[in-house]
Structure formats: C-alpha cells, structure tokens
Amino acid sequence: MIRFPSSPIIPEKILSGRYLKSALTLCLLLMTIFDVNSVGKSKTTPYRDLEKTIREKYDSRAVFTWDQYKELLKELKDPKFRVLPLHEMADTYDSTRVIVGLRHDVDFNPFKALEMARIEHLYGIRATYFLLATAEYSGVFMGSKLVRSKGLKALYRDLYETGAEIGIHNDMLTVMILYDIDPYKFNHDELAFYNSIRIPVYGSAAHGSEIAKKTVPNFQIFSDFSAKDSVSYLGRKYPLGKQSLKECGYQYEAYFIKHNIYLSDSGGKWHNAEGVSGVLQRLRESVPGDRIEILMHPEWWGKTEQKTP
C-alpha cells in the first residue's frame, strides 16, 4: 500500500527539471492504475453471466421503448397523482388526489426490471416488483429445493436499493403440481431467503402460469380466496386453502387491492387502452378519488428504436 504523508515537505529541486517530470509521470501512472481498477469493479457484477444469458434470450421481445415509459412517468409526476408501491397504496385513500399503485410482474427478464427501476428512481417514483421463483432466471429445481442462480442475491439487492418494493410473484400451484413440493413450505423458504438478504416482503401477486390456466388462479392457494378445498390435474387431487394469506406471511394479494381503474400490458398489449397514448389519455381523464392499479411487465419494455440511415 502506498502511504502519502499528511503534510509533505517537497524539496525545491524536485519542483523543477527532470524531478518534476518524473513526479508527474508517476502520478499519472498511479491515477491510471486506480482508474482501471475502479472501472473494472463498476462493470463486474456477480450476476454478469446470468445477465448475458437472459438478455440474449429475452431482450429482443420488448415492444415498448424507454422513451414511451418516460412519457408515462412524466404524466404521473403531475401533482394530481400520488404514485405508491402496492403495500402503501393498499391503505392509502385520498379524495383530493388520484392514488396510483405501480406494479411490475417480472416473468422472465429481471434485468429489464432493474433498468426500469433505475429510470423510476430518476423520476422520484417507486413501484413494486414481483419476482418469480419458477422463472428461468431464478434457478433450477433439484429434488425439493430451488438451487438459485449465481448472483441472484446481488441482483435482488440492486433492485431493492433503487427504492423499489419487492414482492413474490406467486406460482405455488406450479411448485406443488409440477415439482411435487409442499407449496406452503416452499413459500416459507422463499420468505426466509428474502429475509436473509435483508429485503422485506409484504405482498404477493398471482402468476398466470400454464398450470394456473389449466386449473385455478394461483391466489386460490390461500384460504382467503379458494373456491374449494382441492384442485384436480391429470387425475390427481391437490389441496387448496390450507393456509391464509396472513399465515403465509403476506399483508396483501395484488389482485385484491381496491381500485376502480385497472391498466395492464399483459402479453405486450395494453388491454384497456389504445397503446401508450391511450393509457396517457386515461390517466388525464382520471379525477381525484380514483384508485388506479397499473400492471406492467418489464420484459416488454426497452425496445431499441431502429434509426434510418
């Protein structure tokens, strides 16, 4: 380690001639070394390999641009709106403002989610990101355990440190039916994982997995929402409603937060509006007292616009 004296005494001859030139050369060399080391550290992340794999496979699916997302955020900065992560929206009512819960279900590209969260941070807006244990990015199931991808802890911490709320994108039916794992124990282990990396979890959002489409919505795993005590799949019965939302460690389920306007880009298409312009118009038409839940999937965002020659 190089140590520099706090009050260096520099002989007069060093300040002239070849001594000065040598000193300057040494300083430039040291600055270059420190700069290179700094740059290397800033670009290297524990999830670099995972990011490369996921981006190569999924980035091209984006259909909306970041410029379009910034348009939405600029609109939401209007003083008539109060934009909140879902765990705050759930208990916030205000007849003088439009309350907006901003929700992101991260189905297959958490790196788009990180980009999105960093853009929101620049606008002073916070949202909720629901992360999916059965997604490719999370890892692989071996026996009754999920072996998590390398660097996942760092990735989730980076996302959380933008100011975002982190939630669970509940796919407990897939865990139970496809992997033959007790879904309630699996859920307990998931929450323990987030607790181990100092990320609080308040809520879940049911994932529309292929299993859920063939059986019942994932939120029916909770007794609060189950219509019956079991579900059948390929001739076998699987239990539902053995534990409540609260018993599973959650304060809310995203689909059951009170709202009177719901906007979603599921499947890469806005269901209740004519594209982004329609969403902007719907936001402008909203009035104080309205409660809006906006669901966006980060994987559909960040399309690279083709520039004409």
C-alpha atoms as a PDB file:
ATOM      1  CA  MET A   1       0.000   0.000   0.000  1.00  0.00           C
ATOM      2  CA  ILE A   2       1.276   3.471  -0.853  1.00  0.00           C
ATOM      3  CA  ARG A   3       1.024   5.948   2.016  1.00  0.00           C
ATOM      4  CA  PHE A   4       1.256   9.678   1.471  1.00  0.00           C
ATOM      5  CA  PRO A   5       2.371  11.986   4.323  1.00  0.00           C
ATOM      6  CA  SER A   6      -0.385  14.316   5.531  1.00  0.00           C
ATOM      7  CA  SER A   7       1.897  17.377   5.250  1.00  0.00           C
ATOM      8  CA  PRO A   8       4.575  16.505   2.685  1.00  0.00           C
ATOM      9  CA  ILE A   9       7.800  18.504   2.600  1.00  0.00           C
ATOM     10  CA  ILE A  10       8.874  18.820  -1.024  1.00  0.00           C
ATOM     11  CA  PRO A  11      12.462  19.897  -1.659  1.00  0.00           C
ATOM     12  CA  GLU A  12      12.730  22.838  -4.023  1.00  0.00           C
ATOM     13  CA  LYS A  13      14.838  20.900  -6.572  1.00  0.00           C
ATOM     14  CA  ILE A  14      12.030  18.359  -7.030  1.00  0.00           C
ATOM     15  CA  LEU A  15       9.783  21.143  -8.264  1.00  0.00           C
ATOM     16  CA  SER A  16      11.976  21.771 -11.280  1.00  0.00           C
ATOM     17  CA  GLY A  17      13.611  19.949 -14.185  1.00  0.00           C
ATOM     18  CA  ARG A  18      13.633  16.208 -14.592  1.00  0.00           C
ATOM     19  CA  TYR A  19      12.443  15.648 -10.990  1.00  0.00           C
ATOM     20  CA  LEU A  20       9.149  17.405 -11.755  1.00  0.00           C
ATOM     21  CA  LYS A  21       8.738  15.425 -14.977  1.00  0.00           C
ATOM     22  CA  SER A  22       9.368  12.119 -13.161  1.00  0.00           C
ATOM     23  CA  ALA A  23       6.972  13.032 -10.357  1.00  0.00           C
ATOM     24  CA  LEU A  24       4.230  13.922 -12.847  1.00  0.00           C
ATOM     25  CA  THR A  25       4.799  10.675 -14.751  1.00  0.00           C
ATOM     26  CA  LEU A  26       4.494   8.656 -11.534  1.00  0.00           C
ATOM     27  CA  CYS A  27       1.291  10.459 -10.567  1.00  0.00           C
ATOM     28  CA  LEU A  28      -0.256   9.827 -13.976  1.00  0.00           C
ATOM     29  CA  LEU A  29       0.714   6.165 -13.779  1.00  0.00           C
ATOM     30  CA  LEU A  30      -0.846   5.773 -10.336  1.00  0.00           C
ATOM     31  CA  MET A  31      -4.011   7.565 -11.455  1.00  0.00           C
ATOM     32  CA  THR A  32      -4.280   5.257 -14.471  1.00  0.00           C
ATOM     33  CA  ILE A  33      -3.902   2.146 -12.308  1.00  0.00           C
ATOM     34  CA  PHE A  34      -6.500   3.338  -9.792  1.00  0.00           C
ATOM     35  CA  ASP A  35      -8.880   4.338 -12.595  1.00  0.00           C
ATOM     36  CA  VAL A  36      -8.581   0.983 -14.347  1.00  0.00           C
ATOM     37  CA  ASN A  37      -9.248  -0.843 -11.088  1.00  0.00           C
ATOM     38  CA  SER A  38     -12.249   1.369 -10.413  1.00  0.00           C
ATOM     39  CA  VAL A  39     -13.746   0.820 -13.848  1.00  0.00           C
ATOM     40  CA  GLY A  40     -13.258  -2.918 -13.583  1.00  0.00           C
ATOM     41  CA  LYS A  41     -15.107  -3.073 -10.284  1.00  0.00           C
ATOM     42  CA  SER A  42     -18.005  -0.958 -11.522  1.00  0.00           C
ATOM     43  CA  LYS A  43     -18.597  -3.152 -14.586  1.00  0.00           C
ATOM     44  CA  THR A  44     -18.167  -6.558 -12.987  1.00  0.00           C
ATOM     45  CA  THR A  45     -21.208  -7.912 -11.153  1.00  0.00           C
ATOM     46  CA  PRO A  46     -21.828 -11.289  -9.533  1.00  0.00           C
ATOM     47  CA  TYR A  47     -24.706 -11.845 -11.977  1.00  0.00           C
ATOM     48  CA  ARG A  48     -22.807 -10.976 -15.167  1.00  0.00           C
ATOM     49  CA  ASP A  49     -23.119 -14.455 -16.708  1.00  0.00           C
ATOM     50  CA  LEU A  50     -26.789 -14.742 -15.796  1.00  0.00           C
ATOM     51  CA  GLU A  51     -27.475 -11.335 -17.297  1.00  0.00           C
ATOM     52  CA  LYS A  52     -25.743 -12.276 -20.551  1.00  0.00           C
ATOM     53  CA  THR A  53     -27.792 -15.475 -20.847  1.00  0.00           C
ATOM     54  CA  ILE A  54     -31.148 -13.869 -20.066  1.00  0.00           C
ATOM     55  CA  ARG A  55     -30.604 -10.759 -22.182  1.00  0.00           C
ATOM     56  CA  GLU A  56     -29.512 -12.745 -25.231  1.00  0.00           C
ATOM     57  CA  LYS A  57     -32.644 -14.836 -24.973  1.00  0.00           C
ATOM     58  CA  TYR A  58     -35.258 -12.261 -23.992  1.00  0.00           C
ATOM     59  CA  ASP A  59     -34.235  -8.643 -24.656  1.00  0.00           C
ATOM     60  CA  SER A  60     -35.491  -8.807 -28.240  1.00  0.00           C
ATOM     61  CA  ARG A  61     -39.061  -9.405 -27.039  1.00  0.00           C
ATOM     62  CA  ALA A  62     -39.504  -5.775 -25.968  1.00  0.00           C
ATOM     63  CA  VAL A  63     -42.289  -3.935 -27.798  1.00  0.00           C
ATOM     64  CA  PHE A  64     -42.299  -0.578 -25.967  1.00  0.00           C
ATOM     65  CA  THR A  65     -39.430   1.928 -25.739  1.00  0.00           C
ATOM     66  CA  TRP A  66     -37.943   3.538 -22.654  1.00  0.00           C
ATOM     67  CA  ASP A  67     -38.917   6.912 -24.129  1.00  0.00           C
ATOM     68  CA  GLN A  68     -42.541   5.805 -24.007  1.00  0.00           C
ATOM     69  CA  TYR A  69     -42.096   4.769 -20.392  1.00  0.00           C
ATOM     70  CA  LYS A  70     -40.623   8.153 -19.556  1.00  0.00           C
ATOM     71  CA  GLU A  71     -43.733   9.741 -21.079  1.00  0.00           C
ATOM     72  CA  LEU A  72     -45.854   7.775 -18.629  1.00  0.00           C
ATOM     73  CA  LEU A  73     -43.649   8.735 -15.696  1.00  0.00           C
ATOM     74  CA  LYS A  74     -43.754  12.411 -16.688  1.00  0.00           C
ATOM     75  CA  GLU A  75     -47.549  12.231 -16.697  1.00  0.00           C
ATOM     76  CA  LEU A  76     -47.553  10.539 -13.292  1.00  0.00           C
ATOM     77  CA  LYS A  77     -45.443  13.393 -11.903  1.00  0.00           C
ATOM     78  CA  ASP A  78     -48.477  15.664 -12.266  1.00  0.00           C
ATOM     79  CA  PRO A  79     -49.408  16.853  -8.743  1.00  0.00           C
ATOM     80  CA  LYS A  80     -52.867  15.329  -9.056  1.00  0.00           C
ATOM     81  CA  PHE A  81     -51.297  11.840  -8.817  1.00  0.00           C
ATOM     82  CA  ARG A  82     -49.783  10.128  -5.834  1.00  0.00           C
ATOM     83  CA  VAL A  83     -47.815   7.096  -7.030  1.00  0.00           C
ATOM     84  CA  LEU A  84     -47.045   4.389  -4.479  1.00  0.00           C
ATOM     85  CA  PRO A  85     -45.733   0.830  -4.235  1.00  0.00           C
ATOM     86  CA  LEU A  86     -48.633  -1.530  -3.583  1.00  0.00           C
ATOM     87  CA  HIS A  87     -48.081  -2.120   0.114  1.00  0.00           C
ATOM     88  CA  GLU A  88     -48.522   1.635   0.657  1.00  0.00           C
ATOM     89  CA  MET A  89     -51.358   2.005  -1.847  1.00  0.00           C
ATOM     90  CA  ALA A  90     -53.367  -0.704  -0.074  1.00  0.00           C
ATOM     91  CA  ASP A  91     -54.067   1.520   2.940  1.00  0.00           C
ATOM     92  CA  THR A  92     -53.882   4.954   1.291  1.00  0.00           C
ATOM     93  CA  TYR A  93     -57.078   6.799   0.446  1.00  0.00           C
ATOM     94  CA  ASP A  94     -57.246  10.462  -0.547  1.00  0.00           C
ATOM     95  CA  SER A  95     -60.268  12.216  -2.040  1.00  0.00           C
ATOM     96  CA  THR A  96     -58.058  15.093  -3.219  1.00  0.00           C
ATOM     97  CA  ARG A  97     -55.596  13.006  -5.252  1.00  0.00           C
ATOM     98  CA  VAL A  98     -55.554  10.146  -7.738  1.00  0.00           C
ATOM     99  CA  ILE A  99     -53.888   7.222  -5.968  1.00  0.00           C
ATOM    100  CA  VAL A 100     -51.793   5.072  -8.311  1.00  0.00           C
ATOM    101  CA  GLY A 101     -50.289   1.695  -7.437  1.00  0.00           C
ATOM    102  CA  LEU A 102     -47.462   0.902  -9.824  1.00  0.00           C
ATOM    103  CA  ARG A 103     -46.930  -2.844 -10.191  1.00  0.00           C
ATOM    104  CA  HIS A 104     -44.410  -4.857 -12.215  1.00  0.00           C
ATOM    105  CA  ASP A 105     -44.641  -8.638 -12.616  1.00  0.00           C
ATOM    106  CA  VAL A 106     -41.172  -9.922 -13.561  1.00  0.00           C
ATOM    107  CA  ASP A 107     -41.907 -13.039 -15.597  1.00  0.00           C
ATOM    108  CA  PHE A 108     -38.642 -13.690 -17.421  1.00  0.00           C
ATOM    109  CA  ASN A 109     -36.285 -10.682 -17.553  1.00  0.00           C
ATOM    110  CA  PRO A 110     -35.189  -9.179 -14.209  1.00  0.00           C
ATOM    111  CA  PHE A 111     -32.522  -7.095 -15.941  1.00  0.00           C
ATOM    112  CA  LYS A 112     -35.201  -5.093 -17.729  1.00  0.00           C
ATOM    113  CA  ALA A 113     -36.774  -4.697 -14.289  1.00  0.00           C
ATOM    114  CA  LEU A 114     -33.532  -3.241 -12.944  1.00  0.00           C
ATOM    115  CA  GLU A 115     -33.369  -0.795 -15.865  1.00  0.00           C
ATOM    116  CA  MET A 116     -36.984   0.196 -15.281  1.00  0.00           C
ATOM    117  CA  ALA A 117     -36.472   0.710 -11.543  1.00  0.00           C
ATOM    118  CA  ARG A 118     -33.442   2.926 -12.168  1.00  0.00           C
ATOM    119  CA  ILE A 119     -35.486   5.095 -14.534  1.00  0.00           C
ATOM    120  CA  GLU A 120     -38.244   5.360 -11.911  1.00  0.00           C
ATOM    121  CA  HIS A 121     -35.644   6.377  -9.347  1.00  0.00           C
ATOM    122  CA  LEU A 122     -34.599   9.296 -11.573  1.00  0.00           C
ATOM    123  CA  TYR A 123     -38.214  10.490 -11.583  1.00  0.00           C
ATOM    124  CA  GLY A 124     -38.638  10.014  -7.847  1.00  0.00           C
ATOM    125  CA  ILE A 125     -41.228   7.277  -8.366  1.00  0.00           C
ATOM    126  CA  ARG A 126     -41.378   3.955  -6.509  1.00  0.00           C
ATOM    127  CA  ALA A 127     -43.076   0.770  -7.670  1.00  0.00           C
ATOM    128  CA  THR A 128     -43.475  -2.866  -6.642  1.00  0.00           C
ATOM    129  CA  TYR A 129     -41.608  -5.666  -8.428  1.00  0.00           C
ATOM    130  CA  PHE A 130     -42.932  -9.203  -8.045  1.00  0.00           C
ATOM    131  CA  LEU A 131     -40.181 -11.799  -8.568  1.00  0.00           C
ATOM    132  CA  LEU A 132     -40.924 -15.301  -9.838  1.00  0.00           C
ATOM    133  CA  ALA A 133     -39.273 -18.331  -8.237  1.00  0.00           C
ATOM    134  CA  THR A 134     -40.270 -20.661 -11.096  1.00  0.00           C
ATOM    135  CA  ALA A 135     -38.730 -18.395 -13.764  1.00  0.00           C
ATOM    136  CA  GLU A 136     -35.567 -19.389 -15.607  1.00  0.00           C
ATOM    137  CA  TYR A 137     -33.630 -16.523 -14.045  1.00  0.00           C
ATOM    138  CA  SER A 138     -34.312 -17.760 -10.506  1.00  0.00           C
ATOM    139  CA  GLY A 139     -32.526 -21.077 -10.849  1.00  0.00           C
ATOM    140  CA  VAL A 140     -33.344 -24.775 -11.243  1.00  0.00           C
ATOM    141  CA  PHE A 141     -35.348 -27.215  -9.134  1.00  0.00           C
ATOM    142  CA  MET A 142     -33.378 -30.163  -7.825  1.00  0.00           C
ATOM    143  CA  GLY A 143     -35.398 -32.538  -5.709  1.00  0.00           C
ATOM    144  CA  SER A 144     -37.471 -30.441  -3.337  1.00  0.00           C
ATOM    145  CA  LYS A 145     -35.149 -27.436  -3.488  1.00  0.00           C
ATOM    146  CA  LEU A 146     -34.695 -24.442  -5.739  1.00  0.00           C
ATOM    147  CA  VAL A 147     -30.979 -24.072  -6.494  1.00  0.00           C
ATOM    148  CA  ARG A 148     -30.695 -20.347  -7.088  1.00  0.00           C
ATOM    149  CA  SER A 149     -28.770 -18.772  -9.935  1.00  0.00           C
ATOM    150  CA  LYS A 150     -25.328 -17.349  -9.250  1.00  0.00           C
ATOM    151  CA  GLY A 151     -25.507 -13.677  -8.361  1.00  0.00           C
ATOM    152  CA  LEU A 152     -29.241 -13.679  -7.667  1.00  0.00           C
ATOM    153  CA  LYS A 153     -28.840 -12.205  -4.196  1.00  0.00           C
ATOM    154  CA  ALA A 154     -26.825  -9.276  -5.544  1.00  0.00           C
ATOM    155  CA  LEU A 155     -29.309  -8.717  -8.357  1.00  0.00           C
ATOM    156  CA  TYR A 156     -32.280  -8.588  -5.992  1.00  0.00           C
ATOM    157  CA  ARG A 157     -30.408  -6.282  -3.620  1.00  0.00           C
ATOM    158  CA  ASP A 158     -29.565  -3.944  -6.516  1.00  0.00           C
ATOM    159  CA  LEU A 159     -33.230  -3.857  -7.486  1.00  0.00           C
ATOM    160  CA  TYR A 160     -34.351  -3.226  -3.914  1.00  0.00           C
ATOM    161  CA  GLU A 161     -31.798  -0.464  -3.397  1.00  0.00           C
ATOM    162  CA  THR A 162     -33.364   1.636  -6.165  1.00  0.00           C
ATOM    163  CA  GLY A 163     -36.179   2.237  -3.687  1.00  0.00           C
ATOM    164  CA  ALA A 164     -38.490  -0.435  -5.085  1.00  0.00           C
ATOM    165  CA  GLU A 165     -40.734  -2.708  -3.062  1.00  0.00           C
ATOM    166  CA  ILE A 166     -40.067  -6.404  -3.665  1.00  0.00           C
ATOM    167  CA  GLY A 167     -42.904  -8.922  -3.664  1.00  0.00           C
ATOM    168  CA  ILE A 168     -43.451 -12.587  -4.532  1.00  0.00           C
ATOM    169  CA  HIS A 169     -44.913 -13.493  -7.919  1.00  0.00           C
ATOM    170  CA  ASN A 170     -46.834 -16.444  -6.533  1.00  0.00           C
ATOM    171  CA  ASP A 171     -46.649 -19.641  -8.605  1.00  0.00           C
ATOM    172  CA  MET A 172     -47.275 -22.101  -5.789  1.00  0.00           C
ATOM    173  CA  LEU A 173     -49.543 -24.261  -7.956  1.00  0.00           C
ATOM    174  CA  THR A 174     -46.652 -25.000 -10.321  1.00  0.00           C
ATOM    175  CA  VAL A 175     -44.395 -25.769  -7.357  1.00  0.00           C
ATOM    176  CA  MET A 176     -46.989 -28.183  -5.987  1.00  0.00           C
ATOM    177  CA  ILE A 177     -48.172 -29.849  -9.197  1.00  0.00           C
ATOM    178  CA  LEU A 178     -45.103 -29.942 -11.451  1.00  0.00           C
ATOM    179  CA  TYR A 179     -42.365 -30.269  -8.838  1.00  0.00           C
ATOM    180  CA  ASP A 180     -44.315 -32.185  -6.169  1.00  0.00           C
ATOM    181  CA  ILE A 181     -43.174 -29.804  -3.438  1.00  0.00           C
ATOM    182  CA  ASP A 182     -45.268 -28.696  -0.454  1.00  0.00           C
ATOM    183  CA  PRO A 183     -46.202 -25.160  -1.617  1.00  0.00           C
ATOM    184  CA  TYR A 184     -46.589 -23.780   1.898  1.00  0.00           C
ATOM    185  CA  LYS A 185     -43.170 -24.972   2.992  1.00  0.00           C
ATOM    186  CA  PHE A 186     -41.711 -23.662  -0.264  1.00  0.00           C
ATOM    187  CA  ASN A 187     -43.308 -20.277   0.386  1.00  0.00           C
ATOM    188  CA  HIS A 188     -41.847 -20.254   3.908  1.00  0.00           C
ATOM    189  CA  ASP A 189     -38.393 -20.958   2.481  1.00  0.00           C
ATOM    190  CA  GLU A 190     -38.788 -18.184  -0.114  1.00  0.00           C
ATOM    191  CA  LEU A 191     -39.598 -15.610   2.545  1.00  0.00           C
ATOM    192  CA  ALA A 192     -36.647 -16.843   4.621  1.00  0.00           C
ATOM    193  CA  PHE A 193     -34.411 -16.310   1.591  1.00  0.00           C
ATOM    194  CA  TYR A 194     -35.528 -12.692   1.196  1.00  0.00           C
ATOM    195  CA  ASN A 195     -35.148 -12.114   4.909  1.00  0.00           C
ATOM    196  CA  SER A 196     -31.571 -13.442   4.694  1.00  0.00           C
ATOM    197  CA  ILE A 197     -30.675 -10.725   2.183  1.00  0.00           C
ATOM    198  CA  ARG A 198     -32.481  -8.017   4.178  1.00  0.00           C
ATOM    199  CA  ILE A 199     -35.364  -7.473   1.785  1.00  0.00           C
ATOM    200  CA  PRO A 200     -38.790  -7.132   3.441  1.00  0.00           C
ATOM    201  CA  VAL A 201     -41.708  -8.748   1.608  1.00  0.00           C
ATOM    202  CA  TYR A 202     -45.266  -7.544   2.162  1.00  0.00           C
ATOM    203  CA  GLY A 203     -47.313  -8.984  -0.657  1.00  0.00           C
ATOM    204  CA  SER A 204     -47.807 -11.463  -3.437  1.00  0.00           C
ATOM    205  CA  ALA A 205     -49.249 -11.325  -6.943  1.00  0.00           C
ATOM    206  CA  ALA A 206     -50.636 -14.458  -8.556  1.00  0.00           C
ATOM    207  CA  HIS A 207     -48.705 -15.588 -11.632  1.00  0.00           C
ATOM    208  CA  GLY A 208     -50.719 -16.678 -14.665  1.00  0.00           C
ATOM    209  CA  SER A 209     -48.661 -19.795 -15.272  1.00  0.00           C
ATOM    210  CA  GLU A 210     -49.639 -22.564 -17.670  1.00  0.00           C
ATOM    211  CA  ILE A 211     -50.668 -24.727 -14.699  1.00  0.00           C
ATOM    212  CA  ALA A 212     -52.858 -21.925 -13.342  1.00  0.00           C
ATOM    213  CA  LYS A 213     -54.516 -21.501 -16.734  1.00  0.00           C
ATOM    214  CA  LYS A 214     -55.382 -25.212 -16.751  1.00  0.00           C
ATOM    215  CA  THR A 215     -56.578 -25.321 -13.133  1.00  0.00           C
ATOM    216  CA  VAL A 216     -57.340 -22.259 -10.960  1.00  0.00           C
ATOM    217  CA  PRO A 217     -55.662 -18.873 -10.335  1.00  0.00           C
ATOM    218  CA  ASN A 218     -52.611 -19.083  -8.085  1.00  0.00           C
ATOM    219  CA  PHE A 219     -54.198 -16.895  -5.424  1.00  0.00           C
ATOM    220  CA  GLN A 220     -56.615 -19.762  -4.643  1.00  0.00           C
ATOM    221  CA  ILE A 221     -53.765 -21.463  -2.804  1.00  0.00           C
ATOM    222  CA  PHE A 222     -54.727 -19.102   0.058  1.00  0.00           C
ATOM    223  CA  SER A 223     -57.837 -19.857   2.119  1.00  0.00           C
ATOM    224  CA  ASP A 224     -58.947 -16.217   1.729  1.00  0.00           C
ATOM    225  CA  PHE A 225     -59.626 -16.776  -1.968  1.00  0.00           C
ATOM    226  CA  SER A 226     -60.048 -20.537  -2.519  1.00  0.00           C
ATOM    227  CA  ALA A 227     -63.382 -21.550  -4.001  1.00  0.00           C
ATOM    228  CA  LYS A 228     -62.909 -25.215  -2.995  1.00  0.00           C
ATOM    229  CA  ASP A 229     -60.560 -27.341  -0.912  1.00  0.00           C
ATOM    230  CA  SER A 230     -58.718 -29.042  -3.780  1.00  0.00           C
ATOM    231  CA  VAL A 231     -57.992 -28.967  -7.493  1.00  0.00           C
ATOM    232  CA  SER A 232     -57.553 -31.876  -9.900  1.00  0.00           C
ATOM    233  CA  TYR A 233     -54.850 -32.172 -12.512  1.00  0.00           C
ATOM    234  CA  LEU A 234     -54.201 -35.268 -14.659  1.00  0.00           C
ATOM    235  CA  GLY A 235     -56.268 -37.421 -12.354  1.00  0.00           C
ATOM    236  CA  ARG A 236     -54.635 -36.347  -9.103  1.00  0.00           C
ATOM    237  CA  LYS A 237     -56.050 -34.058  -6.422  1.00  0.00           C
ATOM    238  CA  TYR A 238     -54.036 -31.225  -4.891  1.00  0.00           C
ATOM    239  CA  PRO A 239     -55.078 -29.302  -1.755  1.00  0.00           C
ATOM    240  CA  LEU A 240     -56.063 -25.632  -1.751  1.00  0.00           C
ATOM    241  CA  GLY A 241     -56.680 -23.150   1.042  1.00  0.00           C
ATOM    242  CA  LYS A 242     -54.688 -24.883   3.789  1.00  0.00           C
ATOM    243  CA  GLN A 243     -53.286 -21.540   4.956  1.00  0.00           C
ATOM    244  CA  SER A 244     -54.466 -17.951   4.780  1.00  0.00           C
ATOM    245  CA  LEU A 245     -52.638 -15.072   3.153  1.00  0.00           C
ATOM    246  CA  LYS A 246     -51.609 -13.850   6.611  1.00  0.00           C
ATOM    247  CA  GLU A 247     -50.478 -17.302   7.740  1.00  0.00           C
ATOM    248  CA  CYS A 248     -48.274 -17.444   4.643  1.00  0.00           C
ATOM    249  CA  GLY A 249     -46.651 -14.172   5.690  1.00  0.00           C
ATOM    250  CA  TYR A 250     -48.375 -11.630   3.435  1.00  0.00           C
ATOM    251  CA  GLN A 251     -50.312  -8.438   4.037  1.00  0.00           C
ATOM    252  CA  TYR A 252     -51.956  -8.279   0.609  1.00  0.00           C
ATOM    253  CA  GLU A 253     -52.607 -10.011  -2.702  1.00  0.00           C
ATOM    254  CA  ALA A 254     -52.120  -7.596  -5.610  1.00  0.00           C
ATOM    255  CA  TYR A 255     -55.307  -8.601  -7.436  1.00  0.00           C
ATOM    256  CA  PHE A 256     -57.417  -7.781  -4.393  1.00  0.00           C
ATOM    257  CA  ILE A 257     -56.201  -4.269  -3.629  1.00  0.00           C
ATOM    258  CA  LYS A 258     -59.164  -1.919  -4.038  1.00  0.00           C
ATOM    259  CA  HIS A 259     -59.130   0.081  -7.271  1.00  0.00           C
ATOM    260  CA  ASN A 260     -61.647   1.381  -9.767  1.00  0.00           C
ATOM    261  CA  ILE A 261     -59.294   1.621 -12.763  1.00  0.00           C
ATOM    262  CA  TYR A 262     -57.006  -1.186 -13.903  1.00  0.00           C
ATOM    263  CA  LEU A 263     -54.485  -0.864 -16.741  1.00  0.00           C
ATOM    264  CA  SER A 264     -52.343  -3.783 -17.897  1.00  0.00           C
ATOM    265  CA  ASP A 265     -49.799  -4.524 -20.634  1.00  0.00           C
ATOM    266  CA  SER A 266     -50.064  -8.332 -20.242  1.00  0.00           C
ATOM    267  CA  GLY A 267     -48.860 -10.145 -23.324  1.00  0.00           C
ATOM    268  CA  GLY A 268     -47.196  -6.971 -24.600  1.00  0.00           C
ATOM    269  CA  LYS A 269     -50.516  -5.226 -25.326  1.00  0.00           C
ATOM    270  CA  TRP A 270     -52.449  -2.652 -23.331  1.00  0.00           C
ATOM    271  CA  HIS A 271     -55.815  -4.274 -22.674  1.00  0.00           C
ATOM    272  CA  ASN A 272     -57.843  -1.211 -21.725  1.00  0.00           C
ATOM    273  CA  ALA A 273     -56.382   1.426 -23.980  1.00  0.00           C
ATOM    274  CA  GLU A 274     -55.084   2.246 -27.443  1.00  0.00           C
ATOM    275  CA  GLY A 275     -51.425   1.702 -26.716  1.00  0.00           C
ATOM    276  CA  VAL A 276     -49.343   4.051 -24.590  1.00  0.00           C
ATOM    277  CA  SER A 277     -51.217   7.089 -25.935  1.00  0.00           C
ATOM    278  CA  GLY A 278     -54.469   5.540 -24.716  1.00  0.00           C
ATOM    279  CA  VAL A 279     -53.003   4.966 -21.259  1.00  0.00           C
ATOM    280  CA  LEU A 280     -51.854   8.583 -21.116  1.00  0.00           C
ATOM    281  CA  GLN A 281     -55.333   9.733 -22.079  1.00  0.00           C
ATOM    282  CA  ARG A 282     -56.947   7.527 -19.434  1.00  0.00           C
ATOM    283  CA  LEU A 283     -54.624   8.974 -16.808  1.00  0.00           C
ATOM    284  CA  ARG A 284     -55.515  12.520 -17.880  1.00  0.00           C
ATOM    285  CA  GLU A 285     -59.208  11.706 -17.610  1.00  0.00           C
ATOM    286  CA  SER A 286     -58.868  10.377 -14.060  1.00  0.00           C
ATOM    287  CA  VAL A 287     -60.189  12.505 -11.208  1.00  0.00           C
ATOM    288  CA  PRO A 288     -59.304  12.911  -7.524  1.00  0.00           C
ATOM    289  CA  GLY A 289     -60.608   9.965  -5.541  1.00  0.00           C
ATOM    290  CA  ASP A 290     -59.810   7.470  -8.303  1.00  0.00           C
ATOM    291  CA  ARG A 291     -57.650   4.483  -7.406  1.00  0.00           C
ATOM    292  CA  ILE A 292     -55.604   3.118 -10.305  1.00  0.00           C
ATOM    293  CA  GLU A 293     -53.575  -0.073 -10.389  1.00  0.00           C
ATOM    294  CA  ILE A 294     -51.144  -0.178 -13.316  1.00  0.00           C
ATOM    295  CA  LEU A 295     -49.589  -3.546 -14.159  1.00  0.00           C
ATOM    296  CA  MET A 296     -46.533  -3.535 -16.403  1.00  0.00           C
ATOM    297  CA  HIS A 297     -44.153  -6.342 -17.288  1.00  0.00           C
ATOM    298  CA  PRO A 298     -40.567  -5.044 -17.606  1.00  0.00           C
ATOM    299  CA  GLU A 299     -39.747  -7.608 -20.312  1.00  0.00           C
ATOM    300  CA  TRP A 300     -41.982  -5.745 -22.787  1.00  0.00           C
ATOM    301  CA  TRP A 301     -40.034  -2.504 -22.317  1.00  0.00           C
ATOM    302  CA  GLY A 302     -36.723  -1.140 -23.605  1.00  0.00           C
ATOM    303  CA  LYS A 303     -37.184  -1.792 -27.316  1.00  0.00           C
ATOM    304  CA  THR A 304     -34.322  -0.344 -29.362  1.00  0.00           C
ATOM    305  CA  GLU A 305     -35.648   2.026 -31.982  1.00  0.00           C
ATOM    306  CA  GLN A 306     -34.263   1.456 -35.462  1.00  0.00           C
ATOM    307  CA  LYS A 307     -32.578   4.564 -36.823  1.00  0.00           C
ATOM    308  CA  THR A 308     -32.922   5.271 -40.526  1.00  0.00           C
ATOM    309  CA  PRO A 309     -29.624   5.793 -42.389  1.00  0.00           C
END
